[in-house]
Amino acid sequence: MNTKNLVFVALFSSIMGVLGLIPPIALSITPVPITLQSLGVMLAGGLLGSRLGALSQLIFLLIVGVGAPLLAGGRGGFGVFVGPSAGYLLGYIVGAFVIGYLIERLREVSIIKVLCINIIGGIFVVYVFGIIVQAFVMDISIWQTMKVSVAFLPGDCIKAIIAAILVTKLHRSLKHIITPALKSGKYTKAG
């Protein structure tokens, strides 16, 4: 991994931390808060690609795991990985990978295509991990957890739209940096 890759991975790990500083919205029906950090997952996968996007999320979660209070609401430490939010957090890694993987295979990046990919990787994949783990930790049925998770959909759809617009615009304006990454799955010098 070259220096440029390390910088981009560190940048997106930092962006996740900054998004965690924005106060979460607590819901009375679930202990899992609404945060802006899922927007960071979509941006990381969409701009860094599968490998680097997932790596940025892994590094962010390792930093959280050692105690940095970078999750929304100032949460951090190993305990977050055994609570109701644990599956959503682990889903960040897989979600960023899936988003990056699918975008790397596009011939042309458009808002609609990226939006669909964000819904698949940034919402569906993250929800699968989140719902399964939340149901297990809270000892409730998957069905009950799915019903509660519907409350997150409107906000996550708005975040998917915002990420799709940003990713598409940045792909167009930073073609010399982004395009090689999409073709090879990593950042290289544009030739």
C-alpha atoms as a PDB file:
ATOM      1  CA  MET A   1       0.000   0.000   0.000  1.00  0.00           C
ATOM      2  CA  ASN A   2       1.466   3.347  -0.992  1.00  0.00           C
ATOM      3  CA  THR A   3       1.426   6.624   0.922  1.00  0.00           C
ATOM      4  CA  LYS A   4      -1.517   8.027  -1.044  1.00  0.00           C
ATOM      5  CA  ASN A   5      -3.638   4.993  -0.136  1.00  0.00           C
ATOM      6  CA  LEU A   6      -2.736   5.343   3.536  1.00  0.00           C
ATOM      7  CA  VAL A   7      -3.701   9.010   3.477  1.00  0.00           C
ATOM      8  CA  PHE A   8      -7.090   8.290   1.879  1.00  0.00           C
ATOM      9  CA  VAL A   9      -7.817   5.455   4.328  1.00  0.00           C
ATOM     10  CA  ALA A  10      -6.847   7.657   7.286  1.00  0.00           C
ATOM     11  CA  LEU A  11      -8.920  10.535   5.885  1.00  0.00           C
ATOM     12  CA  PHE A  12     -12.075   8.440   5.683  1.00  0.00           C
ATOM     13  CA  SER A  13     -11.467   6.902   9.112  1.00  0.00           C
ATOM     14  CA  SER A  14     -11.260  10.497  10.371  1.00  0.00           C
ATOM     15  CA  ILE A  15     -14.425  11.497   8.511  1.00  0.00           C
ATOM     16  CA  MET A  16     -16.237   8.699  10.347  1.00  0.00           C
ATOM     17  CA  GLY A  17     -14.980  10.139  13.635  1.00  0.00           C
ATOM     18  CA  VAL A  18     -16.126  13.647  12.713  1.00  0.00           C
ATOM     19  CA  LEU A  19     -19.578  12.335  11.745  1.00  0.00           C
ATOM     20  CA  GLY A  20     -19.703  10.704  15.180  1.00  0.00           C
ATOM     21  CA  LEU A  21     -19.367  14.125  16.822  1.00  0.00           C
ATOM     22  CA  ILE A  22     -22.767  15.104  15.470  1.00  0.00           C
ATOM     23  CA  PRO A  23     -25.289  14.228  18.191  1.00  0.00           C
ATOM     24  CA  PRO A  24     -27.356  11.109  17.497  1.00  0.00           C
ATOM     25  CA  ILE A  25     -31.126  11.024  17.423  1.00  0.00           C
ATOM     26  CA  ALA A  26     -32.395   8.601  20.051  1.00  0.00           C
ATOM     27  CA  LEU A  27     -35.580   6.673  19.392  1.00  0.00           C
ATOM     28  CA  SER A  28     -37.807   5.385  22.158  1.00  0.00           C
ATOM     29  CA  ILE A  29     -38.438   2.120  20.295  1.00  0.00           C
ATOM     30  CA  THR A  30     -34.800   0.973  19.979  1.00  0.00           C
ATOM     31  CA  PRO A  31     -31.490   1.440  21.799  1.00  0.00           C
ATOM     32  CA  VAL A  32     -29.759   1.932  18.420  1.00  0.00           C
ATOM     33  CA  PRO A  33     -29.564   5.682  17.637  1.00  0.00           C
ATOM     34  CA  ILE A  34     -29.875   7.388  14.269  1.00  0.00           C
ATOM     35  CA  THR A  35     -26.434   8.736  13.302  1.00  0.00           C
ATOM     36  CA  LEU A  36     -24.733  10.283  10.295  1.00  0.00           C
ATOM     37  CA  GLN A  37     -21.990   7.666  10.300  1.00  0.00           C
ATOM     38  CA  SER A  38     -23.752   5.486   7.741  1.00  0.00           C
ATOM     39  CA  LEU A  39     -23.229   8.398   5.326  1.00  0.00           C
ATOM     40  CA  GLY A  40     -19.485   7.973   5.909  1.00  0.00           C
ATOM     41  CA  VAL A  41     -19.727   4.278   5.036  1.00  0.00           C
ATOM     42  CA  MET A  42     -21.378   5.113   1.708  1.00  0.00           C
ATOM     43  CA  LEU A  43     -18.812   7.803   0.912  1.00  0.00           C
ATOM     44  CA  ALA A  44     -15.862   5.567   1.823  1.00  0.00           C
ATOM     45  CA  GLY A  45     -17.036   2.702  -0.368  1.00  0.00           C
ATOM     46  CA  GLY A  46     -18.053   5.015  -3.187  1.00  0.00           C
ATOM     47  CA  LEU A  47     -14.832   7.019  -3.289  1.00  0.00           C
ATOM     48  CA  LEU A  48     -12.150   4.614  -2.058  1.00  0.00           C
ATOM     49  CA  GLY A  49     -13.377   1.416  -3.649  1.00  0.00           C
ATOM     50  CA  SER A  50     -13.928  -1.965  -2.053  1.00  0.00           C
ATOM     51  CA  ARG A  51     -10.575  -2.718  -0.486  1.00  0.00           C
ATOM     52  CA  LEU A  52      -9.656   0.736   0.799  1.00  0.00           C
ATOM     53  CA  GLY A  53     -13.229   1.624   1.754  1.00  0.00           C
ATOM     54  CA  ALA A  54     -13.525  -1.496   3.915  1.00  0.00           C
ATOM     55  CA  LEU A  55     -10.061  -0.887   5.372  1.00  0.00           C
ATOM     56  CA  SER A  56     -11.011   2.664   6.384  1.00  0.00           C
ATOM     57  CA  GLN A  57     -14.014   1.299   8.275  1.00  0.00           C
ATOM     58  CA  LEU A  58     -11.973  -1.455   9.912  1.00  0.00           C
ATOM     59  CA  ILE A  59      -9.384   1.050  11.142  1.00  0.00           C
ATOM     60  CA  PHE A  60     -12.128   3.361  12.412  1.00  0.00           C
ATOM     61  CA  LEU A  61     -13.720   0.498  14.361  1.00  0.00           C
ATOM     62  CA  LEU A  62     -10.357  -0.622  15.768  1.00  0.00           C
ATOM     63  CA  ILE A  63      -9.794   2.914  17.056  1.00  0.00           C
ATOM     64  CA  VAL A  64     -13.291   2.865  18.593  1.00  0.00           C
ATOM     65  CA  GLY A  65     -12.593  -0.579  20.062  1.00  0.00           C
ATOM     66  CA  VAL A  66      -9.538   0.618  21.964  1.00  0.00           C
ATOM     67  CA  GLY A  67     -11.643   3.280  23.627  1.00  0.00           C
ATOM     68  CA  ALA A  68     -11.789   6.373  21.432  1.00  0.00           C
ATOM     69  CA  PRO A  69     -15.258   7.916  21.909  1.00  0.00           C
ATOM     70  CA  LEU A  70     -15.849   8.424  18.178  1.00  0.00           C
ATOM     71  CA  LEU A  71     -19.260   6.859  17.802  1.00  0.00           C
ATOM     72  CA  ALA A  72     -22.296   9.116  17.904  1.00  0.00           C
ATOM     73  CA  GLY A  73     -23.051  10.128  21.463  1.00  0.00           C
ATOM     74  CA  GLY A  74     -19.396   9.794  22.501  1.00  0.00           C
ATOM     75  CA  ARG A  75     -19.491   6.021  22.693  1.00  0.00           C
ATOM     76  CA  GLY A  76     -16.354   3.930  22.358  1.00  0.00           C
ATOM     77  CA  GLY A  77     -14.540   0.953  23.817  1.00  0.00           C
ATOM     78  CA  PHE A  78     -14.930  -2.772  23.369  1.00  0.00           C
ATOM     79  CA  GLY A  79     -18.408  -2.725  24.929  1.00  0.00           C
ATOM     80  CA  VAL A  80     -19.967  -1.261  21.774  1.00  0.00           C
ATOM     81  CA  PHE A  81     -19.152  -4.555  20.010  1.00  0.00           C
ATOM     82  CA  VAL A  82     -21.312  -6.566  22.387  1.00  0.00           C
ATOM     83  CA  GLY A  83     -24.289  -4.189  22.470  1.00  0.00           C
ATOM     84  CA  PRO A  84     -27.333  -3.786  20.219  1.00  0.00           C
ATOM     85  CA  SER A  85     -25.407  -1.623  17.707  1.00  0.00           C
ATOM     86  CA  ALA A  86     -22.624  -4.182  17.193  1.00  0.00           C
ATOM     87  CA  GLY A  87     -24.033  -5.688  14.010  1.00  0.00           C
ATOM     88  CA  TYR A  88     -24.532  -2.301  12.409  1.00  0.00           C
ATOM     89  CA  LEU A  89     -20.917  -1.420  13.210  1.00  0.00           C
ATOM     90  CA  LEU A  90     -19.593  -4.650  11.702  1.00  0.00           C
ATOM     91  CA  GLY A  91     -21.896  -4.050   8.749  1.00  0.00           C
ATOM     92  CA  TYR A  92     -19.989  -0.815   8.073  1.00  0.00           C
ATOM     93  CA  ILE A  93     -16.976  -2.832   6.888  1.00  0.00           C
ATOM     94  CA  VAL A  94     -18.964  -5.155   4.631  1.00  0.00           C
ATOM     95  CA  GLY A  95     -21.228  -2.338   3.425  1.00  0.00           C
ATOM     96  CA  ALA A  96     -18.267  -0.177   2.345  1.00  0.00           C
ATOM     97  CA  PHE A  97     -16.731  -3.191   0.599  1.00  0.00           C
ATOM     98  CA  VAL A  98     -19.946  -4.015  -1.283  1.00  0.00           C
ATOM     99  CA  ILE A  99     -20.487  -0.390  -2.338  1.00  0.00           C
ATOM    100  CA  GLY A 100     -16.913  -0.097  -3.578  1.00  0.00           C
ATOM    101  CA  TYR A 101     -17.039  -3.464  -5.327  1.00  0.00           C
ATOM    102  CA  LEU A 102     -20.212  -2.601  -7.223  1.00  0.00           C
ATOM    103  CA  ILE A 103     -19.062   0.910  -8.164  1.00  0.00           C
ATOM    104  CA  GLU A 104     -15.732  -0.476  -9.418  1.00  0.00           C
ATOM    105  CA  ARG A 105     -17.721  -2.497 -11.944  1.00  0.00           C
ATOM    106  CA  LEU A 106     -19.678   0.435 -13.371  1.00  0.00           C
ATOM    107  CA  ARG A 107     -18.768   1.669 -16.831  1.00  0.00           C
ATOM    108  CA  GLU A 108     -20.250   5.059 -16.041  1.00  0.00           C
ATOM    109  CA  VAL A 109     -20.990   6.563 -12.638  1.00  0.00           C
ATOM    110  CA  SER A 110     -24.422   8.198 -12.360  1.00  0.00           C
ATOM    111  CA  ILE A 111     -26.482   9.404  -9.427  1.00  0.00           C
ATOM    112  CA  ILE A 112     -29.176   6.748  -9.969  1.00  0.00           C
ATOM    113  CA  LYS A 113     -26.657   3.883 -10.235  1.00  0.00           C
ATOM    114  CA  VAL A 114     -24.740   5.030  -7.166  1.00  0.00           C
ATOM    115  CA  LEU A 115     -28.006   5.533  -5.262  1.00  0.00           C
ATOM    116  CA  CYS A 116     -29.048   1.944  -6.020  1.00  0.00           C
ATOM    117  CA  ILE A 117     -25.618   0.707  -4.936  1.00  0.00           C
ATOM    118  CA  ASN A 118     -25.828   2.756  -1.714  1.00  0.00           C
ATOM    119  CA  ILE A 119     -29.201   1.190  -0.962  1.00  0.00           C
ATOM    120  CA  ILE A 120     -27.773  -2.299  -1.515  1.00  0.00           C
ATOM    121  CA  GLY A 121     -24.492  -1.874   0.385  1.00  0.00           C
ATOM    122  CA  GLY A 122     -25.119   1.042   2.710  1.00  0.00           C
ATOM    123  CA  ILE A 123     -28.619   0.123   3.816  1.00  0.00           C
ATOM    124  CA  PHE A 124     -29.493  -3.502   3.009  1.00  0.00           C
ATOM    125  CA  VAL A 125     -26.115  -5.077   3.860  1.00  0.00           C
ATOM    126  CA  VAL A 126     -25.654  -2.983   7.018  1.00  0.00           C
ATOM    127  CA  TYR A 127     -29.236  -3.753   8.116  1.00  0.00           C
ATOM    128  CA  VAL A 128     -28.759  -7.508   7.637  1.00  0.00           C
ATOM    129  CA  PHE A 129     -25.805  -7.507  10.031  1.00  0.00           C
ATOM    130  CA  GLY A 130     -27.459  -5.011  12.375  1.00  0.00           C
ATOM    131  CA  ILE A 131     -30.841  -6.706  12.611  1.00  0.00           C
ATOM    132  CA  ILE A 132     -29.412 -10.177  13.196  1.00  0.00           C
ATOM    133  CA  VAL A 133     -27.044  -9.057  15.964  1.00  0.00           C
ATOM    134  CA  GLN A 134     -29.570  -6.687  17.569  1.00  0.00           C
ATOM    135  CA  ALA A 135     -32.170  -9.476  17.712  1.00  0.00           C
ATOM    136  CA  PHE A 136     -29.632 -11.816  19.299  1.00  0.00           C
ATOM    137  CA  VAL A 137     -28.319  -9.276  21.849  1.00  0.00           C
ATOM    138  CA  MET A 138     -31.796  -8.065  22.846  1.00  0.00           C
ATOM    139  CA  ASP A 139     -33.279 -11.578  22.764  1.00  0.00           C
ATOM    140  CA  ILE A 140     -36.150 -10.584  20.480  1.00  0.00           C
ATOM    141  CA  SER A 141     -37.266 -12.016  17.164  1.00  0.00           C
ATOM    142  CA  ILE A 142     -35.735 -11.015  13.851  1.00  0.00           C
ATOM    143  CA  TRP A 143     -39.231  -9.943  12.757  1.00  0.00           C
ATOM    144  CA  GLN A 144     -39.606  -7.577  15.742  1.00  0.00           C
ATOM    145  CA  THR A 145     -36.176  -6.110  15.078  1.00  0.00           C
ATOM    146  CA  MET A 146     -37.030  -5.613  11.399  1.00  0.00           C
ATOM    147  CA  LYS A 147     -40.215  -3.744  12.326  1.00  0.00           C
ATOM    148  CA  VAL A 148     -38.282  -1.428  14.651  1.00  0.00           C
ATOM    149  CA  SER A 149     -35.574  -0.885  12.012  1.00  0.00           C
ATOM    150  CA  VAL A 150     -38.124   0.583   9.597  1.00  0.00           C
ATOM    151  CA  ALA A 151     -37.776   3.814  11.609  1.00  0.00           C
ATOM    152  CA  PHE A 152     -34.226   4.167  10.229  1.00  0.00           C
ATOM    153  CA  LEU A 153     -35.198   3.854   6.549  1.00  0.00           C
ATOM    154  CA  PRO A 154     -36.259   7.452   5.762  1.00  0.00           C
ATOM    155  CA  GLY A 155     -33.064   8.930   7.190  1.00  0.00           C
ATOM    156  CA  ASP A 156     -30.867   6.282   5.593  1.00  0.00           C
ATOM    157  CA  CYS A 157     -32.516   6.871   2.214  1.00  0.00           C
ATOM    158  CA  ILE A 158     -31.769  10.598   2.527  1.00  0.00           C
ATOM    159  CA  LYS A 159     -28.144   9.769   3.389  1.00  0.00           C
ATOM    160  CA  ALA A 160     -27.981   7.410   0.378  1.00  0.00           C
ATOM    161  CA  ILE A 161     -29.182  10.228  -1.898  1.00  0.00           C
ATOM    162  CA  ILE A 162     -26.669  12.714  -0.448  1.00  0.00           C
ATOM    163  CA  ALA A 163     -23.840  10.179  -0.811  1.00  0.00           C
ATOM    164  CA  ALA A 164     -24.886   9.353  -4.392  1.00  0.00           C
ATOM    165  CA  ILE A 165     -24.791  13.022  -5.371  1.00  0.00           C
ATOM    166  CA  LEU A 166     -21.425  13.622  -3.675  1.00  0.00           C
ATOM    167  CA  VAL A 167     -19.820  10.457  -5.047  1.00  0.00           C
ATOM    168  CA  THR A 168     -21.024  11.161  -8.584  1.00  0.00           C
ATOM    169  CA  LYS A 169     -19.864  14.791  -8.506  1.00  0.00           C
ATOM    170  CA  LEU A 170     -16.487  13.863  -7.027  1.00  0.00           C
ATOM    171  CA  HIS A 171     -15.988  11.076  -9.570  1.00  0.00           C
ATOM    172  CA  ARG A 172     -16.570  13.576 -12.360  1.00  0.00           C
ATOM    173  CA  SER A 173     -14.378  16.338 -10.947  1.00  0.00           C
ATOM    174  CA  LEU A 174     -11.570  14.065  -9.686  1.00  0.00           C
ATOM    175  CA  LYS A 175     -11.487  11.651 -12.622  1.00  0.00           C
ATOM    176  CA  HIS A 176      -7.686  11.627 -12.700  1.00  0.00           C
ATOM    177  CA  ILE A 177      -7.632  10.245  -9.149  1.00  0.00           C
ATOM    178  CA  ILE A 178     -10.870   8.263  -8.893  1.00  0.00           C
ATOM    179  CA  THR A 179     -11.005   6.501 -12.286  1.00  0.00           C
ATOM    180  CA  PRO A 180      -7.748   4.542 -11.867  1.00  0.00           C
ATOM    181  CA  ALA A 181      -8.991   3.374  -8.480  1.00  0.00           C
ATOM    182  CA  LEU A 182     -12.189   2.031  -9.976  1.00  0.00           C
ATOM    183  CA  LYS A 183     -10.381   0.176 -12.740  1.00  0.00           C
ATOM    184  CA  SER A 184      -7.812  -1.477 -10.516  1.00  0.00           C
ATOM    185  CA  GLY A 185      -9.443  -1.462  -7.096  1.00  0.00           C
ATOM    186  CA  LYS A 186      -6.650   0.702  -5.742  1.00  0.00           C
ATOM    187  CA  TYR A 187      -5.287   4.194  -6.231  1.00  0.00           C
ATOM    188  CA  THR A 188      -2.495   4.537  -8.771  1.00  0.00           C
ATOM    189  CA  LYS A 189      -0.999   7.436 -10.691  1.00  0.00           C
ATOM    190  CA  ALA A 190      -3.237   8.458 -13.573  1.00  0.00           C
ATOM    191  CA  GLY A 191      -1.425   7.838 -16.807  1.00  0.00           C
END
